[in-house]
Amino acid sequence: MTESIAADPDADLARRFGGMERLFGVAAAARIRQAHVAVVGIGGVGSWAAEALARSGVGALTLVDLDHVAESNINRQVHALDTTIGQAKVQAMRERIALIHPGCVVQCVEEFVEPGNWPAVLPGAVDAVIDACDQVRAKLAMADWARRNKSIFITVGAAGGKRLAHQVDIDDLSRSTHDPLLARMRNQLRKH
């Protein structure tokens, strides 16, 4: 299969992601292929988000996390396998994405986002940011940057410890409930 990818990458992309054109239309699928999305936090939520983006045909991803895969991650993080224990999460995720979408350009940033380094940790411009980190100060820095730059920004709460983790609620931060991480973020944003 690798030889056919090298021989005709466009045909390979069409086979892998042709369903996106049928679902969303040619123009929207082209925008998805050209998109560059940063995923901050490659853990229990971010690893699944990064994989979903790759499986949707997104053309470029920047993965940001300083953590390494641990055995305790195997029950909830898509890149956590016996073979990836000890690897940097961003590197393990890049290898997985290459198996799914070889044409996706993946940049890895082995750092934690902090108010003092955002957005400088990004290697370049991005079209959207998915914040899947678990640090309120980092979430606030990214949210403030996104607001000032009118950037697409999706922030997520914690999935750990949830009995119904499969029930995903998509809503405005002001209406989120039962998530202590998002509640702290919301309270801090209201103060400013």
C-alpha atoms as a PDB file:
ATOM      1  CA  MET A   1       0.000   0.000   0.000  1.00  0.00           C
ATOM      2  CA  THR A   2       2.867   2.388   0.697  1.00  0.00           C
ATOM      3  CA  GLU A   3       4.003   2.168  -2.936  1.00  0.00           C
ATOM      4  CA  SER A   4       0.563   3.231  -4.201  1.00  0.00           C
ATOM      5  CA  ILE A   5       0.580   6.227  -1.847  1.00  0.00           C
ATOM      6  CA  ALA A   6       3.945   7.371  -3.199  1.00  0.00           C
ATOM      7  CA  ALA A   7       2.877   6.730  -6.793  1.00  0.00           C
ATOM      8  CA  ASP A   8      -0.333   8.778  -6.633  1.00  0.00           C
ATOM      9  CA  PRO A   9      -0.938  10.684  -3.386  1.00  0.00           C
ATOM     10  CA  ASP A  10      -4.021  12.461  -4.805  1.00  0.00           C
ATOM     11  CA  ALA A  11      -5.712   9.161  -5.644  1.00  0.00           C
ATOM     12  CA  ASP A  12      -4.856   7.867  -2.180  1.00  0.00           C
ATOM     13  CA  LEU A  13      -6.446  10.938  -0.559  1.00  0.00           C
ATOM     14  CA  ALA A  14      -9.530  10.517  -2.740  1.00  0.00           C
ATOM     15  CA  ARG A  15      -9.890   6.881  -1.644  1.00  0.00           C
ATOM     16  CA  ARG A  16      -9.365   7.691   2.020  1.00  0.00           C
ATOM     17  CA  PHE A  17     -11.407  10.879   2.288  1.00  0.00           C
ATOM     18  CA  GLY A  18     -13.795  10.893  -0.672  1.00  0.00           C
ATOM     19  CA  GLY A  19     -16.658  10.460   1.768  1.00  0.00           C
ATOM     20  CA  MET A  20     -15.997  13.971   3.073  1.00  0.00           C
ATOM     21  CA  GLU A  21     -16.806  15.415  -0.365  1.00  0.00           C
ATOM     22  CA  ARG A  22     -20.006  13.396  -0.555  1.00  0.00           C
ATOM     23  CA  LEU A  23     -20.985  14.476   2.952  1.00  0.00           C
ATOM     24  CA  PHE A  24     -20.013  18.165   2.942  1.00  0.00           C
ATOM     25  CA  GLY A  25     -19.485  19.020  -0.728  1.00  0.00           C
ATOM     26  CA  VAL A  26     -16.359  19.619  -2.801  1.00  0.00           C
ATOM     27  CA  ALA A  27     -15.628  23.153  -1.534  1.00  0.00           C
ATOM     28  CA  ALA A  28     -16.006  22.270   2.150  1.00  0.00           C
ATOM     29  CA  ALA A  29     -13.880  19.133   1.770  1.00  0.00           C
ATOM     30  CA  ALA A  30     -11.169  21.241   0.112  1.00  0.00           C
ATOM     31  CA  ARG A  31     -11.227  23.654   3.069  1.00  0.00           C
ATOM     32  CA  ILE A  32     -10.852  20.717   5.450  1.00  0.00           C
ATOM     33  CA  ARG A  33      -7.856  19.394   3.467  1.00  0.00           C
ATOM     34  CA  GLN A  34      -6.234  22.840   3.620  1.00  0.00           C
ATOM     35  CA  ALA A  35      -6.941  23.424   7.323  1.00  0.00           C
ATOM     36  CA  HIS A  36      -4.213  23.602   9.954  1.00  0.00           C
ATOM     37  CA  VAL A  37      -5.479  22.859  13.458  1.00  0.00           C
ATOM     38  CA  ALA A  38      -3.532  22.969  16.721  1.00  0.00           C
ATOM     39  CA  VAL A  39      -4.527  20.484  19.414  1.00  0.00           C
ATOM     40  CA  VAL A  40      -3.216  21.448  22.843  1.00  0.00           C
ATOM     41  CA  GLY A  41      -3.162  18.550  25.291  1.00  0.00           C
ATOM     42  CA  ILE A  42      -2.817  15.087  23.749  1.00  0.00           C
ATOM     43  CA  GLY A  43      -4.464  13.098  26.518  1.00  0.00           C
ATOM     44  CA  GLY A  44      -7.897  11.616  27.158  1.00  0.00           C
ATOM     45  CA  VAL A  45      -9.724  14.159  24.990  1.00  0.00           C
ATOM     46  CA  GLY A  46      -6.992  15.634  22.801  1.00  0.00           C
ATOM     47  CA  SER A  47      -5.735  12.304  21.446  1.00  0.00           C
ATOM     48  CA  TRP A  48      -9.233  11.434  20.229  1.00  0.00           C
ATOM     49  CA  ALA A  49      -9.723  14.930  18.797  1.00  0.00           C
ATOM     50  CA  ALA A  50      -6.428  14.720  16.887  1.00  0.00           C
ATOM     51  CA  GLU A  51      -7.329  11.315  15.483  1.00  0.00           C
ATOM     52  CA  ALA A  52     -10.814  12.513  14.461  1.00  0.00           C
ATOM     53  CA  LEU A  53      -9.257  15.468  12.636  1.00  0.00           C
ATOM     54  CA  ALA A  54      -6.835  13.167  10.816  1.00  0.00           C
ATOM     55  CA  ARG A  55      -9.654  10.775   9.890  1.00  0.00           C
ATOM     56  CA  SER A  56     -11.597  13.760   8.536  1.00  0.00           C
ATOM     57  CA  GLY A  57      -8.761  14.622   6.161  1.00  0.00           C
ATOM     58  CA  VAL A  58      -7.428  17.761   7.861  1.00  0.00           C
ATOM     59  CA  GLY A  59      -4.221  18.667   6.048  1.00  0.00           C
ATOM     60  CA  ALA A  60      -2.014  19.851   8.920  1.00  0.00           C
ATOM     61  CA  LEU A  61      -1.957  19.402  12.676  1.00  0.00           C
ATOM     62  CA  THR A  62       0.197  20.893  15.391  1.00  0.00           C
ATOM     63  CA  LEU A  63       0.205  18.725  18.512  1.00  0.00           C
ATOM     64  CA  VAL A  64       1.250  20.410  21.764  1.00  0.00           C
ATOM     65  CA  ASP A  65       1.998  18.483  24.979  1.00  0.00           C
ATOM     66  CA  LEU A  66       5.065  17.806  27.126  1.00  0.00           C
ATOM     67  CA  ASP A  67       3.763  14.606  28.720  1.00  0.00           C
ATOM     68  CA  HIS A  68       4.761  11.025  27.939  1.00  0.00           C
ATOM     69  CA  VAL A  69       2.550   7.971  27.471  1.00  0.00           C
ATOM     70  CA  ALA A  70       2.103   6.003  30.694  1.00  0.00           C
ATOM     71  CA  GLU A  71       0.548   2.610  31.317  1.00  0.00           C
ATOM     72  CA  SER A  72      -2.277   4.330  33.215  1.00  0.00           C
ATOM     73  CA  ASN A  73      -3.248   6.148  29.976  1.00  0.00           C
ATOM     74  CA  ILE A  74      -4.129   2.943  28.106  1.00  0.00           C
ATOM     75  CA  ASN A  75      -7.760   2.892  29.256  1.00  0.00           C
ATOM     76  CA  ARG A  76      -8.653   6.272  27.746  1.00  0.00           C
ATOM     77  CA  GLN A  77      -6.037   7.661  25.336  1.00  0.00           C
ATOM     78  CA  VAL A  78      -6.097   6.440  21.743  1.00  0.00           C
ATOM     79  CA  HIS A  79      -2.317   6.555  21.257  1.00  0.00           C
ATOM     80  CA  ALA A  80      -1.542   4.753  24.517  1.00  0.00           C
ATOM     81  CA  LEU A  81      -0.473   1.183  23.734  1.00  0.00           C
ATOM     82  CA  ASP A  82       2.117  -1.185  25.164  1.00  0.00           C
ATOM     83  CA  THR A  83       4.390  -0.204  22.274  1.00  0.00           C
ATOM     84  CA  THR A  84       4.141   3.541  22.989  1.00  0.00           C
ATOM     85  CA  ILE A  85       4.688   3.577  26.769  1.00  0.00           C
ATOM     86  CA  GLY A  86       7.416   6.098  27.570  1.00  0.00           C
ATOM     87  CA  GLN A  87       7.152   7.925  24.238  1.00  0.00           C
ATOM     88  CA  ALA A  88       6.295  11.600  24.088  1.00  0.00           C
ATOM     89  CA  LYS A  89       2.525  11.793  23.572  1.00  0.00           C
ATOM     90  CA  VAL A  90       2.904  14.097  20.586  1.00  0.00           C
ATOM     91  CA  GLN A  91       5.353  11.699  18.894  1.00  0.00           C
ATOM     92  CA  ALA A  92       3.151   8.652  19.537  1.00  0.00           C
ATOM     93  CA  MET A  93       0.184  10.545  18.123  1.00  0.00           C
ATOM     94  CA  ARG A  94       2.156  11.663  15.061  1.00  0.00           C
ATOM     95  CA  GLU A  95       3.072   8.027  14.313  1.00  0.00           C
ATOM     96  CA  ARG A  96      -0.573   6.968  14.645  1.00  0.00           C
ATOM     97  CA  ILE A  97      -1.776   9.793  12.392  1.00  0.00           C
ATOM     98  CA  ALA A  98       0.783   8.801   9.735  1.00  0.00           C
ATOM     99  CA  LEU A  99      -0.869   5.374   9.558  1.00  0.00           C
ATOM    100  CA  ILE A 100      -4.301   6.953   9.105  1.00  0.00           C
ATOM    101  CA  HIS A 101      -3.524   9.973   6.915  1.00  0.00           C
ATOM    102  CA  PRO A 102       0.011   9.839   5.470  1.00  0.00           C
ATOM    103  CA  GLY A 103      -0.493  13.191   3.753  1.00  0.00           C
ATOM    104  CA  CYS A 104      -1.227  15.056   6.977  1.00  0.00           C
ATOM    105  CA  VAL A 105       1.641  17.345   7.982  1.00  0.00           C
ATOM    106  CA  VAL A 106       2.081  16.908  11.738  1.00  0.00           C
ATOM    107  CA  GLN A 107       4.255  19.227  13.789  1.00  0.00           C
ATOM    108  CA  CYS A 108       5.043  18.239  17.363  1.00  0.00           C
ATOM    109  CA  VAL A 109       5.669  20.729  20.143  1.00  0.00           C
ATOM    110  CA  GLU A 110       6.956  19.119  23.324  1.00  0.00           C
ATOM    111  CA  GLU A 111       5.983  21.869  25.740  1.00  0.00           C
ATOM    112  CA  PHE A 112       3.142  22.671  28.101  1.00  0.00           C
ATOM    113  CA  VAL A 113       1.206  25.809  27.206  1.00  0.00           C
ATOM    114  CA  GLU A 114       1.548  28.577  29.782  1.00  0.00           C
ATOM    115  CA  PRO A 115       0.444  32.213  29.732  1.00  0.00           C
ATOM    116  CA  GLY A 116       4.050  33.258  29.077  1.00  0.00           C
ATOM    117  CA  ASN A 117       4.614  31.046  26.023  1.00  0.00           C
ATOM    118  CA  TRP A 118       1.283  31.197  24.157  1.00  0.00           C
ATOM    119  CA  PRO A 119       1.105  31.568  21.152  1.00  0.00           C
ATOM    120  CA  ALA A 120       4.902  31.571  20.727  1.00  0.00           C
ATOM    121  CA  VAL A 121       4.979  27.755  21.104  1.00  0.00           C
ATOM    122  CA  LEU A 122       3.126  27.437  17.807  1.00  0.00           C
ATOM    123  CA  PRO A 123       5.506  26.907  14.887  1.00  0.00           C
ATOM    124  CA  GLY A 124       3.278  29.001  12.622  1.00  0.00           C
ATOM    125  CA  ALA A 125      -0.222  30.253  11.932  1.00  0.00           C
ATOM    126  CA  VAL A 126      -3.172  27.930  12.542  1.00  0.00           C
ATOM    127  CA  ASP A 127      -6.785  28.066  11.403  1.00  0.00           C
ATOM    128  CA  ALA A 128      -8.215  26.757  14.677  1.00  0.00           C
ATOM    129  CA  VAL A 129      -7.201  25.656  18.169  1.00  0.00           C
ATOM    130  CA  ILE A 130      -8.664  22.810  20.180  1.00  0.00           C
ATOM    131  CA  ASP A 131      -7.804  23.301  23.838  1.00  0.00           C
ATOM    132  CA  ALA A 132      -7.821  19.889  25.498  1.00  0.00           C
ATOM    133  CA  CYS A 133      -5.405  20.749  28.302  1.00  0.00           C
ATOM    134  CA  ASP A 134      -6.163  20.532  32.005  1.00  0.00           C
ATOM    135  CA  GLN A 135      -4.606  23.788  33.234  1.00  0.00           C
ATOM    136  CA  VAL A 136      -6.936  26.747  33.789  1.00  0.00           C
ATOM    137  CA  ARG A 137      -4.202  29.373  33.325  1.00  0.00           C
ATOM    138  CA  ALA A 138      -3.288  27.892  29.934  1.00  0.00           C
ATOM    139  CA  LYS A 139      -6.956  27.712  28.916  1.00  0.00           C
ATOM    140  CA  LEU A 140      -7.404  31.379  29.840  1.00  0.00           C
ATOM    141  CA  ALA A 141      -4.328  32.449  27.853  1.00  0.00           C
ATOM    142  CA  MET A 142      -5.528  30.587  24.765  1.00  0.00           C
ATOM    143  CA  ALA A 143      -9.103  31.879  25.099  1.00  0.00           C
ATOM    144  CA  ASP A 144      -7.896  35.469  25.448  1.00  0.00           C
ATOM    145  CA  TRP A 145      -5.608  35.097  22.416  1.00  0.00           C
ATOM    146  CA  ALA A 146      -8.434  33.558  20.356  1.00  0.00           C
ATOM    147  CA  ARG A 147     -10.837  36.357  21.309  1.00  0.00           C
ATOM    148  CA  ARG A 148      -8.330  39.072  20.425  1.00  0.00           C
ATOM    149  CA  ASN A 149      -7.426  37.395  17.118  1.00  0.00           C
ATOM    150  CA  LYS A 150     -10.970  36.303  16.252  1.00  0.00           C
ATOM    151  CA  SER A 151      -9.675  32.748  15.901  1.00  0.00           C
ATOM    152  CA  ILE A 152     -11.702  29.558  15.974  1.00  0.00           C
ATOM    153  CA  PHE A 153     -11.268  28.179  19.482  1.00  0.00           C
ATOM    154  CA  ILE A 154     -12.803  25.097  21.053  1.00  0.00           C
ATOM    155  CA  THR A 155     -12.168  24.445  24.718  1.00  0.00           C
ATOM    156  CA  VAL A 156     -13.043  21.147  26.328  1.00  0.00           C
ATOM    157  CA  GLY A 157     -13.547  20.004  29.869  1.00  0.00           C
ATOM    158  CA  ALA A 158     -12.269  16.917  31.557  1.00  0.00           C
ATOM    159  CA  ALA A 159     -13.411  13.439  30.550  1.00  0.00           C
ATOM    160  CA  GLY A 160     -11.722  11.587  33.407  1.00  0.00           C
ATOM    161  CA  GLY A 161     -13.947  10.195  36.119  1.00  0.00           C
ATOM    162  CA  LYS A 162     -17.143  10.698  34.128  1.00  0.00           C
ATOM    163  CA  ARG A 163     -19.544   7.763  34.204  1.00  0.00           C
ATOM    164  CA  LEU A 164     -21.197   8.860  30.972  1.00  0.00           C
ATOM    165  CA  ALA A 165     -18.124  10.086  29.124  1.00  0.00           C
ATOM    166  CA  HIS A 166     -19.758   9.134  25.813  1.00  0.00           C
ATOM    167  CA  GLN A 167     -22.367  11.849  26.326  1.00  0.00           C
ATOM    168  CA  VAL A 168     -20.690  14.857  24.783  1.00  0.00           C
ATOM    169  CA  ASP A 169     -22.381  18.207  25.270  1.00  0.00           C
ATOM    170  CA  ILE A 170     -21.529  21.009  22.878  1.00  0.00           C
ATOM    171  CA  ASP A 171     -22.517  24.342  24.324  1.00  0.00           C
ATOM    172  CA  ASP A 172     -21.380  27.808  25.194  1.00  0.00           C
ATOM    173  CA  LEU A 173     -18.975  27.909  28.127  1.00  0.00           C
ATOM    174  CA  SER A 174     -21.485  30.062  30.034  1.00  0.00           C
ATOM    175  CA  ARG A 175     -23.940  27.149  30.032  1.00  0.00           C
ATOM    176  CA  SER A 176     -21.573  24.285  30.858  1.00  0.00           C
ATOM    177  CA  THR A 177     -22.399  22.295  33.982  1.00  0.00           C
ATOM    178  CA  HIS A 178     -20.895  19.494  36.075  1.00  0.00           C
ATOM    179  CA  ASP A 179     -17.318  20.183  35.029  1.00  0.00           C
ATOM    180  CA  PRO A 180     -15.070  21.709  37.710  1.00  0.00           C
ATOM    181  CA  LEU A 181     -12.319  22.580  35.190  1.00  0.00           C
ATOM    182  CA  LEU A 182     -14.688  24.547  32.954  1.00  0.00           C
ATOM    183  CA  ALA A 183     -16.361  26.118  35.997  1.00  0.00           C
ATOM    184  CA  ARG A 184     -12.994  27.497  37.175  1.00  0.00           C
ATOM    185  CA  MET A 185     -12.273  28.776  33.676  1.00  0.00           C
ATOM    186  CA  ARG A 186     -15.688  30.427  33.420  1.00  0.00           C
ATOM    187  CA  ASN A 187     -15.302  32.082  36.847  1.00  0.00           C
ATOM    188  CA  GLN A 188     -11.900  33.509  35.903  1.00  0.00           C
ATOM    189  CA  LEU A 189     -13.208  34.834  32.581  1.00  0.00           C
ATOM    190  CA  ARG A 190     -16.099  36.572  34.343  1.00  0.00           C
ATOM    191  CA  LYS A 191     -13.617  38.457  36.533  1.00  0.00           C
ATOM    192  CA  HIS A 192     -11.924  40.020  33.491  1.00  0.00           C
END
